[in-house]
Amino acid sequence: MFDPDSRYTPLDTATHVTTDRDGRVREVRYVRRRFIPRHDAVTPLVEHAVVEGDRLDNVTARYLGDPLQFWRVCDANHVLHPTELTDEIGRPIVITLPSL
């Protein structure tokens, strides 16, 4: 269902059974909630200071070799939106090793 490198790949799926207003039973499948890893559960690799023009996908490509892994950097820095990390010049961004 998800790309093997997706943050959602390891999550379990569940099914919710409900009855709609016409009396039909419906099954709704969903992915269970994802919890961001604890800060002490990740291994820092390097700290990057934001410079003019930085985008998180480019920063992630530089250090991890894959721009699609930006979500790992967001997790490590406890932000939901990538631009929160690059909006301020000089802001330190912790780049972590991918967890196994």
N, C-alpha and C. Protein backbone atom coordinates (compact mmCIF):
# COMPACT_ATOMS: atom_id res chain seq x y z
N MET A 1 0.83 -1.19 0.00
CA MET A 1 0.00 0.00 0.00
C MET A 1 0.87 1.26 0.00
N PHE A 2 1.96 1.25 0.79
CA PHE A 2 2.86 2.40 0.84
C PHE A 2 4.21 2.01 0.26
N ASP A 3 4.94 3.01 -0.19
CA ASP A 3 6.31 2.81 -0.64
C ASP A 3 7.12 2.20 0.51
N PRO A 4 8.06 1.30 0.24
CA PRO A 4 8.82 0.68 1.33
C PRO A 4 9.57 1.67 2.22
N ASP A 5 9.91 2.85 1.70
CA ASP A 5 10.62 3.85 2.50
C ASP A 5 9.69 4.84 3.18
N SER A 6 8.41 4.66 3.03
CA SER A 6 7.44 5.57 3.62
C SER A 6 7.41 5.45 5.14
N ARG A 7 7.11 6.56 5.79
CA ARG A 7 6.97 6.56 7.25
C ARG A 7 5.76 5.73 7.69
N TYR A 8 4.87 5.43 6.76
CA TYR A 8 3.65 4.69 7.12
C TYR A 8 3.75 3.19 6.87
N THR A 9 4.80 2.75 6.21
CA THR A 9 4.95 1.33 5.88
C THR A 9 4.86 0.40 7.09
N PRO A 10 5.54 0.71 8.20
CA PRO A 10 5.51 -0.25 9.31
C PRO A 10 4.22 -0.22 10.14
N LEU A 11 3.29 0.65 9.81
CA LEU A 11 2.09 0.77 10.63
C LEU A 11 1.09 -0.33 10.33
N ASP A 12 0.40 -0.74 11.36
CA ASP A 12 -0.66 -1.73 11.21
C ASP A 12 -1.89 -1.06 10.60
N THR A 13 -2.71 -1.89 9.96
CA THR A 13 -4.01 -1.41 9.48
C THR A 13 -5.09 -2.04 10.36
N ALA A 14 -6.23 -1.39 10.37
CA ALA A 14 -7.36 -1.87 11.16
C ALA A 14 -8.63 -1.66 10.35
N THR A 15 -9.70 -2.25 10.80
CA THR A 15 -10.99 -2.12 10.14
C THR A 15 -12.03 -1.69 11.16
N HIS A 16 -12.78 -0.68 10.79
CA HIS A 16 -13.89 -0.21 11.61
C HIS A 16 -15.19 -0.59 10.89
N VAL A 17 -16.06 -1.29 11.57
CA VAL A 17 -17.33 -1.70 10.98
C VAL A 17 -18.42 -0.78 11.52
N THR A 18 -19.21 -0.24 10.60
CA THR A 18 -20.25 0.69 10.99
C THR A 18 -21.49 0.46 10.11
N THR A 19 -22.59 1.01 10.50
CA THR A 19 -23.82 0.94 9.72
C THR A 19 -24.18 2.34 9.27
N ASP A 20 -24.36 2.49 7.95
CA ASP A 20 -24.69 3.83 7.47
C ASP A 20 -26.17 4.13 7.68
N ARG A 21 -26.60 5.31 7.32
CA ARG A 21 -27.98 5.72 7.61
C ARG A 21 -29.03 4.94 6.81
N ASP A 22 -28.59 4.21 5.76
CA ASP A 22 -29.50 3.36 5.00
C ASP A 22 -29.53 1.93 5.54
N GLY A 23 -28.81 1.69 6.64
CA GLY A 23 -28.81 0.38 7.27
C GLY A 23 -27.80 -0.60 6.69
N ARG A 24 -26.97 -0.15 5.78
CA ARG A 24 -25.95 -1.02 5.20
C ARG A 24 -24.71 -1.05 6.10
N VAL A 25 -24.22 -2.26 6.28
CA VAL A 25 -22.99 -2.41 7.06
C VAL A 25 -21.81 -2.07 6.15
N ARG A 26 -20.94 -1.24 6.67
CA ARG A 26 -19.77 -0.81 5.88
C ARG A 26 -18.50 -1.05 6.69
N GLU A 27 -17.47 -1.43 6.00
CA GLU A 27 -16.16 -1.59 6.62
C GLU A 27 -15.26 -0.46 6.14
N VAL A 28 -14.63 0.18 7.09
CA VAL A 28 -13.70 1.26 6.76
C VAL A 28 -12.32 0.83 7.24
N ARG A 29 -11.41 0.64 6.28
CA ARG A 29 -10.04 0.25 6.65
C ARG A 29 -9.20 1.50 6.79
N TYR A 30 -8.32 1.48 7.78
CA TYR A 30 -7.48 2.65 8.02
C TYR A 30 -6.13 2.22 8.58
N VAL A 31 -5.19 3.12 8.47
CA VAL A 31 -3.86 2.90 9.02
C VAL A 31 -3.84 3.46 10.43
N ARG A 32 -3.32 2.67 11.34
CA ARG A 32 -3.28 3.12 12.73
C ARG A 32 -2.34 4.32 12.88
N ARG A 33 -2.51 5.01 13.96
CA ARG A 33 -1.76 6.23 14.24
C ARG A 33 -0.26 5.98 14.30
N ARG A 34 0.48 6.92 13.80
CA ARG A 34 1.93 6.85 13.84
C ARG A 34 2.44 7.78 14.94
N PHE A 35 3.31 7.27 15.78
CA PHE A 35 3.89 8.07 16.83
C PHE A 35 5.31 8.46 16.45
N ILE A 36 5.65 9.70 16.67
CA ILE A 36 7.00 10.18 16.37
C ILE A 36 7.95 9.58 17.40
N PRO A 37 9.10 9.07 16.93
CA PRO A 37 10.05 8.47 17.88
C PRO A 37 10.52 9.47 18.92
N ARG A 38 10.80 8.96 20.10
CA ARG A 38 11.32 9.83 21.15
C ARG A 38 12.68 10.37 20.74
N HIS A 39 12.97 11.57 21.21
CA HIS A 39 14.22 12.24 20.85
C HIS A 39 15.45 11.42 21.24
N ASP A 40 15.38 10.73 22.37
CA ASP A 40 16.53 9.94 22.81
C ASP A 40 16.60 8.57 22.13
N ALA A 41 15.66 8.28 21.24
CA ALA A 41 15.65 7.00 20.54
C ALA A 41 16.30 7.09 19.16
N VAL A 42 16.79 8.27 18.79
CA VAL A 42 17.43 8.44 17.49
C VAL A 42 18.91 8.74 17.68
N THR A 43 19.70 8.46 16.65
CA THR A 43 21.14 8.68 16.70
C THR A 43 21.50 9.86 15.82
N PRO A 44 21.97 10.97 16.43
CA PRO A 44 22.35 12.13 15.63
C PRO A 44 23.55 11.82 14.73
N LEU A 45 23.48 12.30 13.51
CA LEU A 45 24.57 12.12 12.55
C LEU A 45 25.37 13.41 12.43
N VAL A 46 24.66 14.51 12.27
CA VAL A 46 25.31 15.81 12.09
C VAL A 46 24.29 16.90 12.38
N GLU A 47 24.79 18.10 12.66
CA GLU A 47 23.90 19.25 12.82
C GLU A 47 24.17 20.20 11.66
N HIS A 48 23.12 20.59 10.97
CA HIS A 48 23.21 21.48 9.81
C HIS A 48 22.66 22.84 10.19
N ALA A 49 23.39 23.92 9.86
CA ALA A 49 22.89 25.28 10.08
C ALA A 49 22.25 25.76 8.77
N VAL A 50 21.01 26.19 8.86
CA VAL A 50 20.25 26.62 7.68
C VAL A 50 20.91 27.83 7.03
N VAL A 51 21.03 27.78 5.70
CA VAL A 51 21.53 28.91 4.93
C VAL A 51 20.45 29.34 3.95
N GLU A 52 20.61 30.55 3.40
CA GLU A 52 19.65 31.09 2.44
C GLU A 52 19.40 30.08 1.32
N GLY A 53 18.15 29.81 1.01
CA GLY A 53 17.79 28.92 -0.09
C GLY A 53 17.67 27.45 0.28
N ASP A 54 18.00 27.11 1.52
CA ASP A 54 17.87 25.70 1.93
C ASP A 54 16.42 25.25 1.85
N ARG A 55 16.26 24.04 1.35
CA ARG A 55 14.96 23.34 1.41
C ARG A 55 15.25 22.01 2.08
N LEU A 56 14.30 21.52 2.84
CA LEU A 56 14.57 20.32 3.61
C LEU A 56 14.83 19.11 2.73
N ASP A 57 14.19 19.03 1.57
CA ASP A 57 14.46 17.89 0.69
C ASP A 57 15.91 17.92 0.20
N ASN A 58 16.42 19.11 -0.09
CA ASN A 58 17.82 19.22 -0.52
C ASN A 58 18.79 18.91 0.62
N VAL A 59 18.47 19.39 1.80
CA VAL A 59 19.32 19.10 2.97
C VAL A 59 19.35 17.60 3.23
N THR A 60 18.18 16.99 3.15
CA THR A 60 18.09 15.54 3.39
C THR A 60 18.84 14.75 2.32
N ALA A 61 18.73 15.18 1.08
CA ALA A 61 19.47 14.51 0.00
C ALA A 61 20.97 14.61 0.24
N ARG A 62 21.41 15.76 0.72
CA ARG A 62 22.85 15.96 0.96
C ARG A 62 23.39 15.01 2.02
N TYR A 63 22.66 14.84 3.10
CA TYR A 63 23.17 14.05 4.23
C TYR A 63 22.73 12.60 4.22
N LEU A 64 21.54 12.32 3.72
CA LEU A 64 21.02 10.94 3.75
C LEU A 64 20.95 10.31 2.36
N GLY A 65 21.17 11.13 1.32
CA GLY A 65 21.17 10.59 -0.03
C GLY A 65 19.80 10.34 -0.62
N ASP A 66 18.75 10.83 0.02
CA ASP A 66 17.39 10.61 -0.47
C ASP A 66 16.50 11.76 0.00
N PRO A 67 16.07 12.61 -0.93
CA PRO A 67 15.24 13.76 -0.53
C PRO A 67 13.89 13.35 0.06
N LEU A 68 13.44 12.14 -0.24
CA LEU A 68 12.14 11.70 0.27
C LEU A 68 12.19 11.30 1.75
N GLN A 69 13.37 11.32 2.31
CA GLN A 69 13.51 10.97 3.73
C GLN A 69 13.41 12.22 4.63
N PHE A 70 12.92 13.31 4.07
CA PHE A 70 12.79 14.56 4.84
C PHE A 70 12.00 14.36 6.12
N TRP A 71 11.07 13.43 6.09
CA TRP A 71 10.22 13.20 7.26
C TRP A 71 11.05 12.70 8.45
N ARG A 72 12.15 12.01 8.19
CA ARG A 72 13.02 11.57 9.30
C ARG A 72 13.63 12.77 10.01
N VAL A 73 13.99 13.78 9.22
CA VAL A 73 14.56 14.99 9.80
C VAL A 73 13.48 15.76 10.57
N CYS A 74 12.28 15.80 10.03
CA CYS A 74 11.17 16.44 10.76
C CYS A 74 10.94 15.73 12.09
N ASP A 75 10.93 14.41 12.06
CA ASP A 75 10.74 13.65 13.31
C ASP A 75 11.83 13.98 14.32
N ALA A 76 13.07 13.98 13.86
CA ALA A 76 14.20 14.19 14.77
C ALA A 76 14.17 15.58 15.39
N ASN A 77 13.56 16.53 14.68
CA ASN A 77 13.51 17.90 15.17
C ASN A 77 12.13 18.29 15.71
N HIS A 78 11.25 17.32 15.78
CA HIS A 78 9.90 17.49 16.34
C HIS A 78 9.12 18.63 15.70
N VAL A 79 9.08 18.62 14.37
CA VAL A 79 8.22 19.55 13.64
C VAL A 79 7.33 18.76 12.69
N LEU A 80 6.20 19.33 12.36
CA LEU A 80 5.27 18.67 11.44
C LEU A 80 5.47 19.12 10.00
N HIS A 81 5.87 20.38 9.80
CA HIS A 81 5.99 20.93 8.45
C HIS A 81 7.46 21.22 8.14
N PRO A 82 7.96 20.70 7.02
CA PRO A 82 9.37 20.88 6.67
C PRO A 82 9.84 22.33 6.67
N THR A 83 8.99 23.24 6.26
CA THR A 83 9.42 24.64 6.18
C THR A 83 9.68 25.25 7.55
N GLU A 84 9.14 24.64 8.60
CA GLU A 84 9.43 25.14 9.95
C GLU A 84 10.92 25.06 10.25
N LEU A 85 11.60 24.13 9.61
CA LEU A 85 13.03 23.95 9.87
C LEU A 85 13.90 24.88 9.05
N THR A 86 13.42 25.33 7.91
CA THR A 86 14.28 26.12 7.03
C THR A 86 13.87 27.58 6.92
N ASP A 87 12.86 27.99 7.64
CA ASP A 87 12.40 29.39 7.55
C ASP A 87 13.38 30.37 8.18
N GLU A 88 14.17 29.93 9.13
CA GLU A 88 15.05 30.84 9.87
C GLU A 88 16.52 30.54 9.53
N ILE A 89 17.19 31.50 8.93
CA ILE A 89 18.60 31.35 8.59
C ILE A 89 19.40 31.14 9.88
N GLY A 90 20.28 30.16 9.85
CA GLY A 90 21.12 29.86 11.01
C GLY A 90 20.54 28.84 11.96
N ARG A 91 19.28 28.49 11.76
CA ARG A 91 18.67 27.51 12.66
C ARG A 91 19.41 26.16 12.55
N PRO A 92 19.74 25.56 13.68
CA PRO A 92 20.37 24.24 13.61
C PRO A 92 19.32 23.15 13.36
N ILE A 93 19.66 22.24 12.46
CA ILE A 93 18.80 21.10 12.17
C ILE A 93 19.59 19.84 12.48
N VAL A 94 19.03 19.00 13.31
CA VAL A 94 19.68 17.74 13.63
C VAL A 94 19.32 16.72 12.56
N ILE A 95 20.34 16.15 11.95
CA ILE A 95 20.16 15.07 10.97
C ILE A 95 20.51 13.78 11.70
N THR A 96 19.61 12.81 11.64
CA THR A 96 19.84 11.56 12.38
C THR A 96 20.04 10.40 11.42
N LEU A 97 20.63 9.36 11.93
CA LEU A 97 20.76 8.13 11.17
C LEU A 97 19.38 7.50 11.04
N PRO A 98 19.09 6.91 9.90
CA PRO A 98 17.81 6.19 9.78
C PRO A 98 17.76 5.06 10.79
N SER A 99 16.64 4.89 11.43
CA SER A 99 16.49 3.78 12.37
C SER A 99 16.21 2.50 11.60
N LEU A 100 16.58 1.39 12.18
CA LEU A 100 16.38 0.10 11.52
C LEU A 100 15.07 -0.51 11.90
